[in-house]
N, C-alpha and C. Protein backbone atom coordinates (compact mmCIF):
# COMPACT_ATOMS: atom_id res chain seq x y z
N MET A 1 191.54 55.68 -91.13
CA MET A 1 190.06 54.49 -91.87
C MET A 1 189.80 54.78 -93.70
N SER A 2 190.67 53.87 -94.12
CA SER A 2 190.69 53.76 -95.23
C SER A 2 189.76 53.17 -95.83
N GLU A 3 189.81 53.96 -96.90
CA GLU A 3 188.60 53.84 -98.09
C GLU A 3 188.62 52.54 -98.54
N TYR A 4 186.80 51.63 -98.97
CA TYR A 4 186.96 50.49 -99.17
C TYR A 4 187.55 50.52 -100.65
N LYS A 5 188.03 49.63 -101.29
CA LYS A 5 188.05 49.30 -102.42
C LYS A 5 188.06 48.39 -103.59
N SER A 6 187.42 48.43 -104.61
CA SER A 6 187.24 47.22 -104.70
C SER A 6 187.94 46.46 -105.74
N TYR A 7 188.38 45.02 -105.88
CA TYR A 7 189.81 44.61 -106.74
C TYR A 7 190.00 45.51 -107.51
N GLY A 8 189.33 45.38 -108.37
CA GLY A 8 189.92 46.36 -109.73
C GLY A 8 190.29 47.58 -109.66
N GLU A 9 189.84 47.95 -108.45
CA GLU A 9 190.19 49.13 -107.77
C GLU A 9 191.72 49.02 -107.18
N TRP A 10 192.49 48.32 -106.51
CA TRP A 10 192.90 48.06 -105.72
C TRP A 10 194.51 47.82 -107.12
N CYS A 11 193.93 46.25 -107.53
CA CYS A 11 194.86 46.89 -109.01
C CYS A 11 195.20 47.78 -109.51
N ASP A 12 194.26 48.86 -109.73
CA ASP A 12 194.93 49.95 -110.73
C ASP A 12 195.80 50.59 -109.61
N ALA A 13 195.50 51.10 -108.85
CA ALA A 13 196.58 51.48 -107.70
C ALA A 13 197.71 51.50 -107.50
N VAL A 14 197.94 49.87 -107.19
CA VAL A 14 199.43 49.40 -106.96
C VAL A 14 200.36 50.18 -108.02
N PRO A 15 201.67 50.91 -107.16
CA PRO A 15 202.47 51.32 -108.56
C PRO A 15 203.06 50.00 -108.83
N VAL A 16 203.53 49.82 -110.28
CA VAL A 16 204.20 49.03 -110.96
C VAL A 16 205.79 49.55 -111.64
N GLU A 17 206.83 49.14 -111.04
CA GLU A 17 207.99 49.30 -111.12
C GLU A 17 208.73 48.79 -112.12
N ASN A 18 208.31 47.39 -112.30
CA ASN A 18 209.28 47.15 -113.48
C ASN A 18 208.49 45.82 -114.92
N GLU A 19 208.88 45.10 -115.19
CA GLU A 19 207.97 44.36 -116.65
C GLU A 19 207.11 43.30 -115.33
N ILE A 20 208.18 43.13 -114.67
CA ILE A 20 208.40 41.21 -114.47
C ILE A 20 207.21 41.47 -113.20
N ALA A 21 207.10 42.82 -112.46
CA ALA A 21 205.89 43.07 -111.51
C ALA A 21 204.97 43.29 -112.11
N THR A 22 204.52 43.46 -113.71
CA THR A 22 202.97 43.67 -114.21
C THR A 22 202.93 42.36 -114.56
N GLY A 23 203.56 41.69 -115.24
CA GLY A 23 203.70 40.42 -115.09
C GLY A 23 202.91 39.31 -114.34
N ILE A 24 203.22 40.07 -113.65
CA ILE A 24 203.24 39.04 -112.49
C ILE A 24 201.91 39.48 -111.98
N LEU A 25 201.26 40.82 -111.70
CA LEU A 25 200.29 41.26 -111.51
C LEU A 25 199.29 40.85 -111.96
N LEU A 26 199.20 41.04 -113.11
CA LEU A 26 197.97 40.67 -114.49
C LEU A 26 197.91 39.53 -114.60
N SER A 27 199.15 38.67 -114.73
CA SER A 27 198.79 36.87 -114.35
C SER A 27 197.93 36.71 -112.89
N TRP A 28 198.40 37.42 -111.80
CA TRP A 28 197.13 37.32 -110.26
C TRP A 28 196.47 37.85 -111.02
N ARG A 29 196.01 38.74 -110.74
CA ARG A 29 194.72 39.41 -111.85
C ARG A 29 193.61 38.70 -112.78
N GLY A 30 194.02 38.36 -113.59
CA GLY A 30 193.54 36.68 -114.13
C GLY A 30 193.43 35.60 -113.64
N GLU A 31 194.24 35.62 -112.85
CA GLU A 31 193.70 34.17 -111.96
C GLU A 31 192.10 34.63 -110.89
N VAL A 32 192.23 35.94 -110.28
CA VAL A 32 191.82 35.99 -108.70
C VAL A 32 190.36 36.18 -110.00
N GLY A 33 190.27 37.08 -111.02
CA GLY A 33 189.37 36.93 -112.18
C GLY A 33 188.28 35.62 -112.45
N LYS A 34 189.11 34.72 -112.81
CA LYS A 34 188.88 33.62 -113.10
C LYS A 34 188.41 32.78 -111.50
N LEU A 35 188.41 32.98 -110.80
CA LEU A 35 188.11 32.32 -109.21
C LEU A 35 187.32 32.87 -109.21
N LEU A 36 187.34 34.30 -109.05
CA LEU A 36 185.41 35.06 -109.02
C LEU A 36 184.50 34.60 -109.59
N MET A 37 184.64 34.33 -111.31
CA MET A 37 183.76 33.77 -111.91
C MET A 37 183.28 32.42 -111.59
N GLU A 38 184.02 31.42 -110.71
CA GLU A 38 184.10 30.24 -110.87
C GLU A 38 183.35 29.87 -109.00
N ASN A 39 183.71 31.44 -108.61
CA ASN A 39 182.86 31.33 -106.98
C ASN A 39 181.23 31.73 -107.39
N ASN A 40 181.05 32.49 -108.66
CA ASN A 40 180.03 32.81 -108.34
C ASN A 40 179.30 32.02 -109.08
N LYS A 41 179.59 31.10 -110.13
CA LYS A 41 178.65 29.98 -110.89
C LYS A 41 178.79 28.52 -109.50
N LEU A 42 179.70 28.86 -108.91
CA LEU A 42 179.66 27.68 -107.75
C LEU A 42 178.30 28.06 -106.81
N GLU A 43 178.51 29.84 -106.10
CA GLU A 43 177.13 29.77 -105.41
C GLU A 43 176.12 30.15 -106.28
N ALA A 44 176.11 30.25 -107.09
CA ALA A 44 174.34 29.40 -108.23
C ALA A 44 173.70 28.43 -108.04
N ARG A 45 175.21 27.41 -108.41
CA ARG A 45 174.90 26.45 -108.24
C ARG A 45 174.64 25.60 -107.41
N ILE A 46 174.81 26.44 -105.88
CA ILE A 46 174.71 25.94 -104.53
C ILE A 46 172.77 26.47 -104.00
N ALA A 47 172.70 28.02 -104.73
CA ALA A 47 171.35 28.74 -104.84
C ALA A 47 170.52 26.87 -105.17
N GLU A 48 170.69 26.72 -106.38
CA GLU A 48 169.79 25.49 -107.14
C GLU A 48 169.49 24.73 -106.51
N LEU A 49 170.68 24.56 -105.73
CA LEU A 49 170.48 23.24 -104.79
C LEU A 49 170.03 23.07 -103.37
N GLU A 50 169.84 23.78 -103.02
CA GLU A 50 169.63 24.58 -101.95
C GLU A 50 168.03 24.38 -102.55
N ALA A 51 167.58 24.86 -103.89
CA ALA A 51 165.97 25.18 -103.82
C ALA A 51 165.77 23.56 -103.97
N GLU A 52 166.47 22.70 -104.46
CA GLU A 52 165.78 21.25 -105.54
C GLU A 52 165.26 20.82 -104.26
N LEU A 53 166.71 21.14 -102.53
CA LEU A 53 166.76 19.98 -101.70
C LEU A 53 165.57 20.78 -100.72
N LYS A 54 164.45 21.40 -100.56
CA LYS A 54 163.91 22.60 -100.17
C LYS A 54 162.05 21.66 -100.69
N GLU A 55 162.94 21.48 -102.21
CA GLU A 55 161.27 21.02 -102.98
C GLU A 55 161.64 19.29 -102.62
N LEU A 56 162.44 18.83 -102.15
CA LEU A 56 162.37 17.13 -102.14
C LEU A 56 162.09 17.31 -100.92
N GLN A 57 162.34 18.30 -99.90
CA GLN A 57 161.80 18.60 -98.36
C GLN A 57 159.96 18.02 -97.80
N ASP A 58 159.78 18.97 -99.34
CA ASP A 58 158.41 19.63 -99.08
C ASP A 58 157.86 18.56 -99.50
N ASP A 59 158.31 17.91 -100.41
CA ASP A 59 157.94 16.74 -100.77
C ASP A 59 157.93 15.54 -100.08
N PHE A 60 158.78 15.01 -99.02
CA PHE A 60 158.46 14.38 -98.73
C PHE A 60 157.76 14.71 -97.45
N VAL A 61 157.33 15.52 -96.92
CA VAL A 61 156.56 16.23 -95.98
C VAL A 61 155.28 15.61 -96.67
N SER A 62 155.08 16.40 -97.57
CA SER A 62 153.46 15.80 -98.27
C SER A 62 153.41 13.75 -98.33
N SER A 63 154.62 13.67 -98.32
CA SER A 63 154.08 12.14 -98.73
C SER A 63 154.68 11.21 -97.58
N GLN A 64 154.83 11.94 -96.42
CA GLN A 64 155.17 10.90 -95.06
C GLN A 64 153.34 11.64 -94.72
N ASN A 65 152.23 12.66 -94.74
CA ASN A 65 151.24 13.35 -94.20
C ASN A 65 150.79 12.21 -94.82
N MET A 66 150.50 11.81 -95.83
CA MET A 66 150.11 11.14 -97.04
C MET A 66 149.69 9.52 -96.21
N LEU A 67 151.07 8.93 -96.49
CA LEU A 67 151.32 7.62 -95.49
C LEU A 67 150.82 7.89 -94.51
N GLY A 68 151.34 9.22 -93.73
CA GLY A 68 150.12 8.35 -92.32
C GLY A 68 148.54 8.63 -92.96
N GLY A 69 148.00 8.84 -93.18
CA GLY A 69 146.56 9.27 -93.46
C GLY A 69 145.84 7.70 -93.54
N ALA A 70 147.07 7.46 -95.06
CA ALA A 70 146.82 5.82 -95.67
C ALA A 70 146.75 4.71 -94.32
N VAL A 71 147.82 5.11 -94.03
CA VAL A 71 148.24 3.68 -92.05
C VAL A 71 147.16 4.01 -91.19
N LEU A 72 146.29 5.13 -91.07
CA LEU A 72 145.08 5.41 -90.08
C LEU A 72 144.34 4.76 -90.71
N GLU A 73 143.68 5.19 -92.31
CA GLU A 73 142.76 4.75 -92.93
C GLU A 73 142.92 2.65 -93.21
N ILE A 74 144.35 2.18 -93.15
CA ILE A 74 143.82 0.86 -92.64
C ILE A 74 143.69 0.25 -91.99
N GLU A 75 144.45 1.34 -90.60
CA GLU A 75 143.59 0.41 -89.21
C GLU A 75 142.34 0.73 -89.25
N ARG A 76 141.76 2.38 -89.78
CA ARG A 76 140.35 1.76 -89.34
C ARG A 76 139.62 0.82 -89.92
N ARG A 77 139.88 0.58 -91.06
CA ARG A 77 139.34 -0.77 -91.89
C ARG A 77 139.81 -2.12 -91.47
N ALA A 78 141.21 -2.00 -90.53
CA ALA A 78 140.98 -3.23 -89.53
C ALA A 78 139.73 -3.22 -88.87
N ASN A 79 139.89 -2.51 -88.42
CA ASN A 79 138.44 -2.29 -86.82
C ASN A 79 137.70 -2.49 -87.43
N ASN A 80 137.45 -2.57 -88.42
CA ASN A 80 135.45 -2.28 -88.66
C ASN A 80 136.00 -3.32 -89.07
N VAL A 81 136.89 -4.80 -90.26
CA VAL A 81 136.75 -5.60 -90.22
C VAL A 81 136.23 -6.67 -88.91
N HIS A 82 137.09 -6.29 -87.83
CA HIS A 82 136.87 -6.72 -86.56
C HIS A 82 135.64 -7.01 -86.01
N GLU A 83 135.44 -5.67 -85.97
CA GLU A 83 133.84 -5.83 -85.77
C GLU A 83 132.89 -5.89 -85.77
N LEU A 84 133.27 -6.60 -87.26
CA LEU A 84 132.28 -6.98 -88.23
C LEU A 84 132.13 -8.59 -88.44
N GLU A 85 133.60 -9.22 -87.93
CA GLU A 85 134.16 -10.92 -87.49
C GLU A 85 133.52 -10.50 -85.98
N ALA A 86 133.58 -10.24 -84.95
CA ALA A 86 133.31 -10.52 -84.07
C ALA A 86 131.96 -10.50 -84.12
N ALA A 87 130.40 -9.29 -84.49
CA ALA A 87 129.52 -9.21 -84.84
C ALA A 87 128.83 -10.49 -85.65
N GLN A 88 129.42 -11.35 -86.30
CA GLN A 88 128.64 -11.93 -87.10
C GLN A 88 129.80 -13.93 -86.23
N ARG A 89 129.98 -13.57 -85.28
CA ARG A 89 130.85 -15.07 -85.30
C ARG A 89 129.73 -15.83 -84.51
N TRP A 90 130.00 -16.80 -84.33
CA TRP A 90 129.13 -17.98 -83.57
C TRP A 90 129.24 -18.01 -81.95
N ILE A 91 128.39 -17.89 -81.20
CA ILE A 91 128.72 -17.52 -79.78
C ILE A 91 128.21 -18.63 -78.92
N PRO A 92 128.76 -19.40 -78.07
CA PRO A 92 128.82 -21.05 -77.49
C PRO A 92 127.67 -20.45 -76.68
N VAL A 93 126.57 -21.00 -76.09
CA VAL A 93 125.30 -21.08 -75.34
C VAL A 93 126.26 -20.65 -73.92
N GLY A 94 127.52 -21.71 -73.59
CA GLY A 94 127.80 -21.82 -72.82
C GLY A 94 128.70 -20.61 -72.28
N GLU A 95 129.03 -19.34 -73.52
CA GLU A 95 129.69 -18.45 -73.16
C GLU A 95 128.89 -17.07 -72.84
N ARG A 96 128.00 -17.50 -73.48
CA ARG A 96 126.44 -16.49 -73.21
C ARG A 96 125.51 -16.70 -73.93
N LEU A 97 124.55 -15.98 -73.46
CA LEU A 97 122.74 -15.94 -74.30
C LEU A 97 122.79 -14.56 -74.68
N PRO A 98 121.75 -14.38 -75.52
CA PRO A 98 121.15 -12.77 -76.35
C PRO A 98 121.13 -12.09 -75.08
N GLU A 99 121.01 -10.91 -75.27
CA GLU A 99 120.62 -10.02 -74.17
C GLU A 99 119.08 -9.34 -74.93
N LYS A 100 118.57 -9.56 -75.83
CA LYS A 100 117.30 -9.17 -75.55
C LYS A 100 116.27 -10.35 -76.82
N GLU A 101 115.19 -10.47 -76.83
CA GLU A 101 114.02 -11.66 -77.63
C GLU A 101 114.56 -11.27 -78.43
N ASP A 102 114.86 -11.85 -79.92
CA ASP A 102 114.42 -11.80 -81.20
C ASP A 102 114.77 -12.86 -82.06
N GLY A 103 114.88 -13.01 -83.13
CA GLY A 103 115.26 -13.75 -84.17
C GLY A 103 116.86 -13.64 -84.35
N TYR A 104 117.29 -15.44 -83.98
CA TYR A 104 119.36 -15.24 -83.70
C TYR A 104 119.14 -16.86 -84.60
N LEU A 105 119.71 -16.61 -85.37
CA LEU A 105 120.18 -17.94 -85.71
C LEU A 105 121.39 -18.67 -85.38
N THR A 106 120.62 -19.81 -84.97
CA THR A 106 121.70 -21.57 -84.09
C THR A 106 121.57 -22.31 -84.53
N ALA A 107 122.94 -22.69 -84.20
CA ALA A 107 123.50 -24.36 -84.17
C ALA A 107 122.55 -24.62 -83.48
N TYR A 108 122.31 -26.03 -84.08
CA TYR A 108 121.33 -27.34 -82.68
C TYR A 108 121.75 -28.82 -82.92
N ARG A 109 122.27 -29.44 -81.52
CA ARG A 109 122.33 -31.02 -82.09
C ARG A 109 120.94 -31.57 -81.42
N THR A 110 120.63 -32.65 -81.59
CA THR A 110 120.09 -33.01 -81.73
C THR A 110 120.34 -35.03 -81.92
N LYS A 111 119.49 -35.80 -81.69
CA LYS A 111 120.11 -36.96 -81.69
C LYS A 111 119.77 -37.73 -83.24
N ASP A 112 119.36 -36.56 -84.16
CA ASP A 112 119.40 -36.46 -85.82
C ASP A 112 120.16 -36.02 -86.39
N ALA A 113 120.66 -34.76 -85.87
CA ALA A 113 121.65 -34.40 -86.23
C ALA A 113 122.27 -33.13 -85.28
N ILE A 114 123.98 -33.19 -85.97
CA ILE A 114 124.63 -32.15 -85.51
C ILE A 114 125.15 -30.83 -86.30
N GLY A 115 125.28 -30.19 -86.09
CA GLY A 115 125.39 -28.90 -86.38
C GLY A 115 124.54 -28.37 -87.06
N ALA A 116 123.25 -28.34 -87.32
CA ALA A 116 122.63 -27.87 -87.85
C ALA A 116 122.38 -26.47 -87.69
N VAL A 117 121.79 -25.50 -89.05
CA VAL A 117 121.09 -24.13 -88.68
C VAL A 117 120.27 -23.93 -88.33
N THR A 118 119.00 -23.32 -88.46
CA THR A 118 117.88 -22.75 -88.28
C THR A 118 118.07 -21.27 -88.11
N LEU A 119 116.43 -20.73 -87.95
CA LEU A 119 116.65 -19.63 -87.20
C LEU A 119 115.43 -20.27 -86.14
N ARG A 120 115.46 -19.30 -84.98
CA ARG A 120 115.47 -19.56 -83.34
C ARG A 120 114.72 -18.28 -82.87
N VAL A 121 113.56 -17.88 -82.12
CA VAL A 121 113.55 -17.03 -81.23
C VAL A 121 113.91 -16.62 -80.28
N TYR A 122 114.12 -16.32 -79.87
CA TYR A 122 114.87 -16.31 -77.81
C TYR A 122 114.07 -15.20 -77.39
N VAL A 123 113.21 -15.87 -76.20
CA VAL A 123 112.31 -15.40 -75.97
C VAL A 123 112.66 -14.81 -74.02
N GLY A 124 113.46 -14.77 -74.05
CA GLY A 124 114.61 -15.30 -72.28
C GLY A 124 114.36 -16.31 -71.57
N GLY A 125 115.00 -16.01 -70.56
CA GLY A 125 115.35 -17.16 -69.45
C GLY A 125 115.79 -18.32 -70.59
N GLY A 126 116.81 -18.30 -71.31
CA GLY A 126 117.60 -19.49 -71.60
C GLY A 126 116.45 -20.75 -72.41
N ARG A 127 115.30 -20.19 -72.92
CA ARG A 127 114.19 -20.59 -73.44
C ARG A 127 114.47 -19.74 -75.11
N TRP A 128 114.65 -20.87 -75.84
CA TRP A 128 114.33 -21.33 -77.47
C TRP A 128 112.88 -21.10 -78.33
N PHE A 129 112.74 -20.56 -79.01
CA PHE A 129 111.38 -21.46 -79.65
C PHE A 129 111.38 -21.45 -81.28
N ASP A 130 111.12 -22.02 -81.84
CA ASP A 130 111.49 -22.82 -83.55
C ASP A 130 110.65 -21.27 -83.97
N GLY A 131 111.38 -21.31 -85.13
CA GLY A 131 111.17 -19.82 -86.09
C GLY A 131 109.46 -19.01 -86.00
N ASN A 132 108.47 -19.92 -85.99
CA ASN A 132 107.53 -20.13 -86.17
C ASN A 132 106.81 -19.39 -84.93
N ILE A 133 107.40 -19.57 -83.38
CA ILE A 133 107.08 -19.59 -82.19
C ILE A 133 106.19 -20.42 -81.50
N ASP A 134 105.84 -21.77 -82.52
CA ASP A 134 104.75 -22.25 -81.28
C ASP A 134 105.56 -23.81 -81.32
N TYR A 135 106.53 -23.68 -81.23
CA TYR A 135 107.29 -24.91 -80.92
C TYR A 135 108.63 -24.65 -79.85
N GLU A 136 108.44 -25.16 -78.48
CA GLU A 136 109.84 -24.60 -78.01
C GLU A 136 111.00 -25.65 -78.12
N VAL A 137 111.63 -25.41 -78.16
CA VAL A 137 113.32 -26.11 -78.19
C VAL A 137 113.70 -26.51 -76.83
N SER A 138 114.68 -27.48 -76.78
CA SER A 138 114.80 -27.99 -75.77
C SER A 138 116.51 -27.10 -75.19
N PRO A 139 116.80 -26.76 -74.49
CA PRO A 139 117.60 -24.89 -74.80
C PRO A 139 119.15 -26.34 -74.78
N GLN A 140 118.72 -27.06 -73.92
CA GLN A 140 119.77 -28.13 -74.22
C GLN A 140 120.69 -28.06 -75.73
N ASN A 141 119.82 -28.78 -76.49
CA ASN A 141 119.86 -28.63 -77.44
C ASN A 141 120.68 -27.34 -79.06
N VAL A 142 120.47 -26.21 -78.48
CA VAL A 142 121.31 -24.88 -79.10
C VAL A 142 122.38 -25.15 -78.02
N THR A 143 123.07 -25.07 -78.80
CA THR A 143 124.79 -24.80 -79.37
C THR A 143 125.17 -24.60 -79.24
N HIS A 144 125.26 -22.80 -79.98
CA HIS A 144 125.84 -21.12 -80.20
C HIS A 144 124.35 -20.56 -80.86
N TRP A 145 125.09 -19.28 -81.05
CA TRP A 145 123.82 -18.44 -81.80
C TRP A 145 124.71 -17.54 -82.39
N MET A 146 123.90 -16.91 -83.22
CA MET A 146 124.40 -15.36 -83.77
C MET A 146 123.29 -14.74 -84.48
N PRO A 147 124.05 -13.10 -84.36
CA PRO A 147 122.57 -12.07 -84.66
C PRO A 147 121.85 -12.54 -86.64
N LEU A 148 121.26 -12.16 -86.21
CA LEU A 148 121.04 -12.14 -87.90
C LEU A 148 121.40 -11.24 -89.10
N PRO A 149 121.99 -11.28 -89.88
CA PRO A 149 122.72 -10.77 -91.14
C PRO A 149 121.65 -9.59 -90.94
N VAL A 150 122.28 -7.84 -91.89
CA VAL A 150 121.27 -6.76 -91.87
C VAL A 150 120.52 -7.45 -93.28
N PRO A 151 119.25 -7.01 -93.47
CA PRO A 151 119.00 -7.62 -94.36
C PRO A 151 119.23 -6.59 -96.05
N PRO A 152 118.72 -7.12 -97.11
CA PRO A 152 119.52 -6.24 -98.31
C PRO A 152 118.57 -4.90 -98.01
N GLU A 153 119.18 -3.86 -98.74
CA GLU A 153 118.43 -3.08 -99.26
C GLU A 153 117.28 -3.07 -100.17
N GLY A 154 116.68 -2.17 -100.67
CA GLY A 154 115.85 -1.43 -102.39
C GLY A 154 115.30 -3.05 -102.47
N ASP A 155 115.13 -2.74 -103.30
CA ASP A 155 113.79 -3.43 -104.88
C ASP A 155 115.36 -5.65 -104.71
N ALA A 156 114.75 -6.34 -104.81
CA ALA A 156 114.66 -7.36 -104.78
C ALA A 156 114.80 -7.67 -106.41
């Protein structure tokens, strides 16, 4: 098995018989040297580009994670809006009546008023009373109802 020699050692070991061969060998040796230097530069540039690519990939993954979190937050807020809208919509009495006895906003109609809104108290069994509970309202006059909004917090 032959001993490993570097490029320079190999060139120095080759016997040169004449000036033409020496010129060719030196020219070739110079070109190979230039190619090796260019190769080293290219390998260094490849390493730089690989590092940049890794950084871009990491940034992309981070951006995807942030975007995914933002999408989840938007979906959560949209669901909250839908829930709030559903909780604060006018419910036709033909669709359903309140489940518990409590105060509600009602829309009603009479021969003098259509679509008027007032506070009524639902006492169950399809029965509604005026807000002060001393006057029972004709159930066919109440057309829609909705829960009362949450009162404000703190001092007014």
